[in-house]
Full PDB file with SEQRES, HELIX, SHEET, SSBOND, CRYST1, ORIGX, SCALE, CONECT and MASTER records, all heavy atoms in Angstrom:
SEQRES   1 A   31  VAL LYS ASP GLY SER ALA GLU SER ILE SER ALA ASP TYR          
SEQRES   2 A   31  VAL ILE CYS THR ILE PRO PRO ALA LEU VAL THR ARG LEU          
SEQRES   3 A   31  ASP ASN ASN LEU PRO                                          
HELIX    1 AA1 PRO A   20  VAL A   23  1                                   4    
CRYST1    1.000    1.000    1.000  90.00  90.00  90.00 P 1           1          
ORIGX1      1.000000  0.000000  0.000000        0.00000                         
ORIGX2      0.000000  1.000000  0.000000        0.00000                         
ORIGX3      0.000000  0.000000  1.000000        0.00000                         
SCALE1      1.000000  0.000000  0.000000        0.00000                         
SCALE2      0.000000  1.000000  0.000000        0.00000                         
SCALE3      0.000000  0.000000  1.000000        0.00000                         
ATOM      1  N   VAL A   1       7.534   0.632   4.547  1.00  0.00           N  
ATOM      2  CA  VAL A   1       8.659   0.726   5.475  1.00  0.00           C  
ATOM      3  C   VAL A   1       9.484  -0.544   5.378  1.00  0.00           C  
ATOM      4  O   VAL A   1       8.943  -1.659   5.439  1.00  0.00           O  
ATOM      5  CB  VAL A   1       8.169   0.926   6.924  1.00  0.00           C  
ATOM      6  CG1 VAL A   1       9.338   0.875   7.893  1.00  0.00           C  
ATOM      7  CG2 VAL A   1       7.410   2.236   7.047  1.00  0.00           C  
ATOM      8  N   LYS A   2      10.781  -0.388   5.200  1.00  0.00           N  
ATOM      9  CA  LYS A   2      11.697  -1.523   5.160  1.00  0.00           C  
ATOM     10  C   LYS A   2      12.912  -1.208   6.009  1.00  0.00           C  
ATOM     11  O   LYS A   2      13.550  -0.156   5.819  1.00  0.00           O  
ATOM     12  CB  LYS A   2      12.127  -1.838   3.728  1.00  0.00           C  
ATOM     13  CG  LYS A   2      13.142  -2.976   3.633  1.00  0.00           C  
ATOM     14  CD  LYS A   2      13.445  -3.347   2.200  1.00  0.00           C  
ATOM     15  CE  LYS A   2      14.611  -4.327   2.109  1.00  0.00           C  
ATOM     16  NZ  LYS A   2      14.372  -5.578   2.871  1.00  0.00           N  
ATOM     17  N   ASP A   3      13.208  -2.103   6.946  1.00  0.00           N  
ATOM     18  CA  ASP A   3      14.350  -1.917   7.844  1.00  0.00           C  
ATOM     19  C   ASP A   3      14.289  -0.567   8.558  1.00  0.00           C  
ATOM     20  O   ASP A   3      15.311   0.105   8.758  1.00  0.00           O  
ATOM     21  CB  ASP A   3      15.671  -2.041   7.078  1.00  0.00           C  
ATOM     22  CG  ASP A   3      15.852  -3.410   6.457  1.00  0.00           C  
ATOM     23  OD1 ASP A   3      15.360  -4.387   7.055  1.00  0.00           O  
ATOM     24  OD2 ASP A   3      16.454  -3.504   5.371  1.00  0.00           O  
ATOM     25  N   GLY A   4      13.071  -0.143   8.906  1.00  0.00           N  
ATOM     26  CA  GLY A   4      12.894   1.101   9.640  1.00  0.00           C  
ATOM     27  C   GLY A   4      12.892   2.347   8.801  1.00  0.00           C  
ATOM     28  O   GLY A   4      12.672   3.444   9.323  1.00  0.00           O  
ATOM     29  N   SER A   5      13.124   2.229   7.500  1.00  0.00           N  
ATOM     30  CA  SER A   5      13.182   3.397   6.626  1.00  0.00           C  
ATOM     31  C   SER A   5      11.930   3.481   5.755  1.00  0.00           C  
ATOM     32  O   SER A   5      11.463   2.465   5.228  1.00  0.00           O  
ATOM     33  CB  SER A   5      14.415   3.337   5.715  1.00  0.00           C  
ATOM     34  OG  SER A   5      15.600   3.340   6.479  1.00  0.00           O  
ATOM     35  N   ALA A   6      11.412   4.689   5.599  1.00  0.00           N  
ATOM     36  CA  ALA A   6      10.242   4.904   4.754  1.00  0.00           C  
ATOM     37  C   ALA A   6      10.674   4.973   3.294  1.00  0.00           C  
ATOM     38  O   ALA A   6      11.636   5.669   2.951  1.00  0.00           O  
ATOM     39  CB  ALA A   6       9.530   6.185   5.158  1.00  0.00           C  
ATOM     40  N   GLU A   7       9.966   4.231   2.448  1.00  0.00           N  
ATOM     41  CA  GLU A   7      10.273   4.184   1.023  1.00  0.00           C  
ATOM     42  C   GLU A   7       8.976   4.397   0.249  1.00  0.00           C  
ATOM     43  O   GLU A   7       7.874   4.276   0.783  1.00  0.00           O  
ATOM     44  CB  GLU A   7      10.871   2.822   0.636  1.00  0.00           C  
ATOM     45  CG  GLU A   7      12.052   2.383   1.460  1.00  0.00           C  
ATOM     46  CD  GLU A   7      13.348   3.037   1.023  1.00  0.00           C  
ATOM     47  OE1 GLU A   7      13.340   3.685  -0.049  1.00  0.00           O  
ATOM     48  OE2 GLU A   7      14.357   2.914   1.737  1.00  0.00           O  
ATOM     49  N   SER A   8       9.105   4.714  -1.031  1.00  0.00           N  
ATOM     50  CA  SER A   8       7.930   4.804  -1.894  1.00  0.00           C  
ATOM     51  C   SER A   8       8.293   4.320  -3.288  1.00  0.00           C  
ATOM     52  O   SER A   8       9.468   4.351  -3.685  1.00  0.00           O  
ATOM     53  CB  SER A   8       7.391   6.237  -1.950  1.00  0.00           C  
ATOM     54  OG  SER A   8       8.282   7.087  -2.623  1.00  0.00           O  
ATOM     55  N   ILE A   9       7.285   3.888  -4.012  1.00  0.00           N  
ATOM     56  CA  ILE A   9       7.482   3.403  -5.374  1.00  0.00           C  
ATOM     57  C   ILE A   9       6.229   3.734  -6.170  1.00  0.00           C  
ATOM     58  O   ILE A   9       5.110   3.624  -5.660  1.00  0.00           O  
ATOM     59  CB  ILE A   9       7.774   1.881  -5.393  1.00  0.00           C  
ATOM     60  CG1 ILE A   9       8.062   1.405  -6.809  1.00  0.00           C  
ATOM     61  CG2 ILE A   9       6.644   1.083  -4.762  1.00  0.00           C  
ATOM     62  CD1 ILE A   9       8.566  -0.049  -6.861  1.00  0.00           C  
ATOM     63  N   SER A  10       6.416   4.150  -7.392  1.00  0.00           N  
ATOM     64  CA  SER A  10       5.310   4.481  -8.276  1.00  0.00           C  
ATOM     65  C   SER A  10       5.338   3.572  -9.495  1.00  0.00           C  
ATOM     66  O   SER A  10       6.390   3.064  -9.888  1.00  0.00           O  
ATOM     67  CB  SER A  10       5.385   5.948  -8.719  1.00  0.00           C  
ATOM     68  OG  SER A  10       5.255   6.809  -7.609  1.00  0.00           O  
ATOM     69  N   ALA A  11       4.167   3.350 -10.079  1.00  0.00           N  
ATOM     70  CA  ALA A  11       4.072   2.462 -11.236  1.00  0.00           C  
ATOM     71  C   ALA A  11       2.850   2.832 -12.056  1.00  0.00           C  
ATOM     72  O   ALA A  11       1.990   3.618 -11.624  1.00  0.00           O  
ATOM     73  CB  ALA A  11       3.977   1.006 -10.772  1.00  0.00           C  
ATOM     74  N   ASP A  12       2.782   2.259 -13.244  1.00  0.00           N  
ATOM     75  CA  ASP A  12       1.613   2.476 -14.101  1.00  0.00           C  
ATOM     76  C   ASP A  12       0.373   1.832 -13.493  1.00  0.00           C  
ATOM     77  O   ASP A  12      -0.732   2.365 -13.614  1.00  0.00           O  
ATOM     78  CB  ASP A  12       1.862   1.893 -15.489  1.00  0.00           C  
ATOM     79  CG  ASP A  12       3.022   2.564 -16.208  1.00  0.00           C  
ATOM     80  OD1 ASP A  12       3.112   3.808 -16.137  1.00  0.00           O  
ATOM     81  OD2 ASP A  12       3.839   1.850 -16.816  1.00  0.00           O  
ATOM     82  N   TYR A  13       0.577   0.668 -12.840  1.00  0.00           N  
ATOM     83  CA  TYR A  13      -0.541  -0.070 -12.250  1.00  0.00           C  
ATOM     84  C   TYR A  13      -0.098  -0.704 -10.941  1.00  0.00           C  
ATOM     85  O   TYR A  13       1.087  -0.991 -10.737  1.00  0.00           O  
ATOM     86  CB  TYR A  13      -1.038  -1.177 -13.193  1.00  0.00           C  
ATOM     87  CG  TYR A  13      -1.485  -0.662 -14.543  1.00  0.00           C  
ATOM     88  CD1 TYR A  13      -0.611  -0.671 -15.628  1.00  0.00           C  
ATOM     89  CD2 TYR A  13      -2.768  -0.163 -14.719  1.00  0.00           C  
ATOM     90  CE1 TYR A  13      -1.009  -0.176 -16.865  1.00  0.00           C  
ATOM     91  CE2 TYR A  13      -3.186   0.322 -15.954  1.00  0.00           C  
ATOM     92  CZ  TYR A  13      -2.298   0.316 -17.023  1.00  0.00           C  
ATOM     93  OH  TYR A  13      -2.691   0.809 -18.239  1.00  0.00           O  
ATOM     94  N   VAL A  14      -1.070  -0.938 -10.054  1.00  0.00           N  
ATOM     95  CA  VAL A  14      -0.826  -1.646  -8.804  1.00  0.00           C  
ATOM     96  C   VAL A  14      -1.822  -2.804  -8.720  1.00  0.00           C  
ATOM     97  O   VAL A  14      -3.011  -2.641  -9.009  1.00  0.00           O  
ATOM     98  CB  VAL A  14      -1.000  -0.736  -7.573  1.00  0.00           C  
ATOM     99  CG1 VAL A  14      -1.041  -1.557  -6.286  1.00  0.00           C  
ATOM    100  CG2 VAL A  14       0.138   0.285  -7.508  1.00  0.00           C  
ATOM    101  N   ILE A  15      -1.318  -3.979  -8.339  1.00  0.00           N  
ATOM    102  CA  ILE A  15      -2.182  -5.126  -8.047  1.00  0.00           C  
ATOM    103  C   ILE A  15      -2.087  -5.378  -6.551  1.00  0.00           C  
ATOM    104  O   ILE A  15      -1.016  -5.707  -6.031  1.00  0.00           O  
ATOM    105  CB  ILE A  15      -1.757  -6.385  -8.818  1.00  0.00           C  
ATOM    106  CG1 ILE A  15      -1.789  -6.144 -10.324  1.00  0.00           C  
ATOM    107  CG2 ILE A  15      -2.655  -7.570  -8.458  1.00  0.00           C  
ATOM    108  CD1 ILE A  15      -1.273  -7.311 -11.152  1.00  0.00           C  
ATOM    109  N   CYS A  16      -3.200  -5.211  -5.857  1.00  0.00           N  
ATOM    110  CA  CYS A  16      -3.218  -5.363  -4.397  1.00  0.00           C  
ATOM    111  C   CYS A  16      -3.778  -6.731  -4.029  1.00  0.00           C  
ATOM    112  O   CYS A  16      -4.959  -7.010  -4.279  1.00  0.00           O  
ATOM    113  CB  CYS A  16      -4.062  -4.261  -3.774  1.00  0.00           C  
ATOM    114  SG  CYS A  16      -4.163  -4.376  -1.972  1.00  0.00           S  
ATOM    115  N   THR A  17      -2.953  -7.576  -3.434  1.00  0.00           N  
ATOM    116  CA  THR A  17      -3.391  -8.897  -2.974  1.00  0.00           C  
ATOM    117  C   THR A  17      -3.394  -8.993  -1.456  1.00  0.00           C  
ATOM    118  O   THR A  17      -3.535 -10.081  -0.893  1.00  0.00           O  
ATOM    119  CB  THR A  17      -2.496 -10.010  -3.560  1.00  0.00           C  
ATOM    120  OG1 THR A  17      -1.213  -9.995  -2.912  1.00  0.00           O  
ATOM    121  CG2 THR A  17      -2.311  -9.854  -5.057  1.00  0.00           C  
ATOM    122  N   ILE A  18      -3.233  -7.867  -0.784  1.00  0.00           N  
ATOM    123  CA  ILE A  18      -3.257  -7.826   0.679  1.00  0.00           C  
ATOM    124  C   ILE A  18      -4.657  -8.221   1.157  1.00  0.00           C  
ATOM    125  O   ILE A  18      -5.661  -7.859   0.530  1.00  0.00           O  
ATOM    126  CB  ILE A  18      -2.896  -6.417   1.175  1.00  0.00           C  
ATOM    127  CG1 ILE A  18      -1.449  -6.076   0.780  1.00  0.00           C  
ATOM    128  CG2 ILE A  18      -3.064  -6.292   2.678  1.00  0.00           C  
ATOM    129  CD1 ILE A  18      -1.069  -4.636   1.064  1.00  0.00           C  
ATOM    130  N   PRO A  19      -4.784  -8.970   2.254  1.00  0.00           N  
ATOM    131  CA  PRO A  19      -6.114  -9.318   2.766  1.00  0.00           C  
ATOM    132  C   PRO A  19      -6.997  -8.078   2.910  1.00  0.00           C  
ATOM    133  O   PRO A  19      -6.526  -7.012   3.357  1.00  0.00           O  
ATOM    134  CB  PRO A  19      -5.810  -9.957   4.126  1.00  0.00           C  
ATOM    135  CG  PRO A  19      -4.447 -10.564   3.946  1.00  0.00           C  
ATOM    136  CD  PRO A  19      -3.712  -9.601   3.058  1.00  0.00           C  
ATOM    137  N   PRO A  20      -8.289  -8.183   2.537  1.00  0.00           N  
ATOM    138  CA  PRO A  20      -9.173  -7.008   2.477  1.00  0.00           C  
ATOM    139  C   PRO A  20      -9.171  -6.144   3.733  1.00  0.00           C  
ATOM    140  O   PRO A  20      -9.083  -4.909   3.640  1.00  0.00           O  
ATOM    141  CB  PRO A  20     -10.551  -7.629   2.235  1.00  0.00           C  
ATOM    142  CG  PRO A  20     -10.269  -8.912   1.540  1.00  0.00           C  
ATOM    143  CD  PRO A  20      -8.981  -9.415   2.113  1.00  0.00           C  
ATOM    144  N   ALA A  21      -9.266  -6.763   4.906  1.00  0.00           N  
ATOM    145  CA  ALA A  21      -9.336  -5.973   6.139  1.00  0.00           C  
ATOM    146  C   ALA A  21      -8.082  -5.144   6.347  1.00  0.00           C  
ATOM    147  O   ALA A  21      -8.140  -4.037   6.906  1.00  0.00           O  
ATOM    148  CB  ALA A  21      -9.565  -6.894   7.330  1.00  0.00           C  
ATOM    149  N   LEU A  22      -6.928  -5.654   5.916  1.00  0.00           N  
ATOM    150  CA  LEU A  22      -5.673  -4.936   6.108  1.00  0.00           C  
ATOM    151  C   LEU A  22      -5.542  -3.764   5.139  1.00  0.00           C  
ATOM    152  O   LEU A  22      -4.847  -2.785   5.435  1.00  0.00           O  
ATOM    153  CB  LEU A  22      -4.488  -5.888   5.955  1.00  0.00           C  
ATOM    154  CG  LEU A  22      -4.491  -7.132   6.850  1.00  0.00           C  
ATOM    155  CD1 LEU A  22      -3.151  -7.841   6.777  1.00  0.00           C  
ATOM    156  CD2 LEU A  22      -4.804  -6.756   8.301  1.00  0.00           C  
ATOM    157  N   VAL A  23      -6.187  -3.865   3.973  1.00  0.00           N  
ATOM    158  CA  VAL A  23      -6.134  -2.771   3.002  1.00  0.00           C  
ATOM    159  C   VAL A  23      -6.781  -1.518   3.581  1.00  0.00           C  
ATOM    160  O   VAL A  23      -6.302  -0.398   3.385  1.00  0.00           O  
ATOM    161  CB  VAL A  23      -6.836  -3.172   1.691  1.00  0.00           C  
ATOM    162  CG1 VAL A  23      -6.805  -2.000   0.700  1.00  0.00           C  
ATOM    163  CG2 VAL A  23      -6.167  -4.390   1.071  1.00  0.00           C  
ATOM    164  N   THR A  24      -7.862  -1.701   4.321  1.00  0.00           N  
ATOM    165  CA  THR A  24      -8.593  -0.547   4.861  1.00  0.00           C  
ATOM    166  C   THR A  24      -7.787   0.223   5.905  1.00  0.00           C  
ATOM    167  O   THR A  24      -8.131   1.366   6.226  1.00  0.00           O  
ATOM    168  CB  THR A  24      -9.929  -0.998   5.484  1.00  0.00           C  
ATOM    169  OG1 THR A  24      -9.686  -1.863   6.599  1.00  0.00           O  
ATOM    170  CG2 THR A  24     -10.786  -1.739   4.460  1.00  0.00           C  
ATOM    171  N   ARG A  25      -6.741  -0.382   6.431  1.00  0.00           N  
ATOM    172  CA  ARG A  25      -5.910   0.288   7.440  1.00  0.00           C  
ATOM    173  C   ARG A  25      -4.836   1.169   6.807  1.00  0.00           C  
ATOM    174  O   ARG A  25      -4.164   1.939   7.500  1.00  0.00           O  
ATOM    175  CB  ARG A  25      -5.243  -0.736   8.349  1.00  0.00           C  
ATOM    176  CG  ARG A  25      -6.220  -1.641   9.086  1.00  0.00           C  
ATOM    177  CD  ARG A  25      -5.472  -2.675   9.899  1.00  0.00           C  
ATOM    178  NE  ARG A  25      -6.359  -3.727  10.383  1.00  0.00           N  
ATOM    179  CZ  ARG A  25      -5.932  -4.827  11.005  1.00  0.00           C  
ATOM    180  NH1 ARG A  25      -4.625  -4.993  11.213  1.00  0.00           N  
ATOM    181  NH2 ARG A  25      -6.790  -5.746  11.395  1.00  0.00           N  
ATOM    182  N   LEU A  26      -4.631   1.029   5.512  1.00  0.00           N  
ATOM    183  CA  LEU A  26      -3.594   1.797   4.835  1.00  0.00           C  
ATOM    184  C   LEU A  26      -4.045   3.237   4.630  1.00  0.00           C  
ATOM    185  O   LEU A  26      -5.240   3.529   4.495  1.00  0.00           O  
ATOM    186  CB  LEU A  26      -3.273   1.177   3.476  1.00  0.00           C  
ATOM    187  CG  LEU A  26      -2.865  -0.301   3.442  1.00  0.00           C  
ATOM    188  CD1 LEU A  26      -2.655  -0.740   1.998  1.00  0.00           C  
ATOM    189  CD2 LEU A  26      -1.604  -0.528   4.268  1.00  0.00           C  
ATOM    190  N   ASP A  27      -3.088   4.144   4.577  1.00  0.00           N  
ATOM    191  CA  ASP A  27      -3.374   5.499   4.133  1.00  0.00           C  
ATOM    192  C   ASP A  27      -3.709   5.391   2.647  1.00  0.00           C  
ATOM    193  O   ASP A  27      -2.893   4.918   1.850  1.00  0.00           O  
ATOM    194  CB  ASP A  27      -2.145   6.376   4.359  1.00  0.00           C  
ATOM    195  CG  ASP A  27      -2.372   7.823   3.947  1.00  0.00           C  
ATOM    196  OD1 ASP A  27      -3.543   8.211   3.746  1.00  0.00           O  
ATOM    197  OD2 ASP A  27      -1.376   8.550   3.791  1.00  0.00           O  
ATOM    198  N   ASN A  28      -4.921   5.784   2.252  1.00  0.00           N  
ATOM    199  CA  ASN A  28      -5.353   5.543   0.884  1.00  0.00           C  
ATOM    200  C   ASN A  28      -6.310   6.628   0.411  1.00  0.00           C  
ATOM    201  O   ASN A  28      -6.824   7.401   1.213  1.00  0.00           O  
ATOM    202  CB  ASN A  28      -6.022   4.169   0.773  1.00  0.00           C  
ATOM    203  CG  ASN A  28      -7.337   4.103   1.522  1.00  0.00           C  
ATOM    204  OD1 ASN A  28      -8.377   4.530   1.017  1.00  0.00           O  
ATOM    205  ND2 ASN A  28      -7.294   3.564   2.754  1.00  0.00           N  
ATOM    206  N   ASN A  29      -6.539   6.657  -0.892  1.00  0.00           N  
ATOM    207  CA  ASN A  29      -7.558   7.542  -1.452  1.00  0.00           C  
ATOM    208  C   ASN A  29      -8.599   6.734  -2.220  1.00  0.00           C  
ATOM    209  O   ASN A  29      -9.144   7.193  -3.229  1.00  0.00           O  
ATOM    210  CB  ASN A  29      -6.942   8.630  -2.339  1.00  0.00           C  
ATOM    211  CG  ASN A  29      -6.142   8.057  -3.512  1.00  0.00           C  
ATOM    212  OD1 ASN A  29      -6.038   6.840  -3.674  1.00  0.00           O  
ATOM    213  ND2 ASN A  29      -5.586   8.948  -4.334  1.00  0.00           N  
ATOM    214  N   LEU A  30      -8.870   5.538  -1.722  1.00  0.00           N  
ATOM    215  CA  LEU A  30      -9.892   4.698  -2.321  1.00  0.00           C  
ATOM    216  C   LEU A  30     -11.273   5.256  -2.029  1.00  0.00           C  
ATOM    217  O   LEU A  30     -11.504   5.819  -0.946  1.00  0.00           O  
ATOM    218  CB  LEU A  30      -9.796   3.265  -1.775  1.00  0.00           C  
ATOM    219  CG  LEU A  30      -8.508   2.499  -2.080  1.00  0.00           C  
ATOM    220  CD1 LEU A  30      -8.460   1.195  -1.285  1.00  0.00           C  
ATOM    221  CD2 LEU A  30      -8.382   2.216  -3.578  1.00  0.00           C  
ATOM    222  N   PRO A  31     -12.225   5.120  -2.949  1.00  0.00           N  
ATOM    223  CA  PRO A  31     -13.582   5.617  -2.722  1.00  0.00           C  
ATOM    224  C   PRO A  31     -14.240   4.934  -1.534  1.00  0.00           C  
ATOM    225  O   PRO A  31     -13.899   3.796  -1.182  1.00  0.00           O  
ATOM    226  CB  PRO A  31     -14.314   5.287  -4.025  1.00  0.00           C  
ATOM    227  CG  PRO A  31     -13.239   5.091  -5.040  1.00  0.00           C  
ATOM    228  CD  PRO A  31     -12.060   4.531  -4.294  1.00  0.00           C  
TER     229      PRO A  31                                                      
MASTER        0    0    0    1    0    0    0    6  228    1    0    3          
END                                                                             
């Protein structure tokens, strides 16, 4: 979400550096 608007982006790879506890709060399909 940026400036109140929902956005999305796709890529070949994602590098996640978000603090671990915050990652678990995301909508995700992680095992």
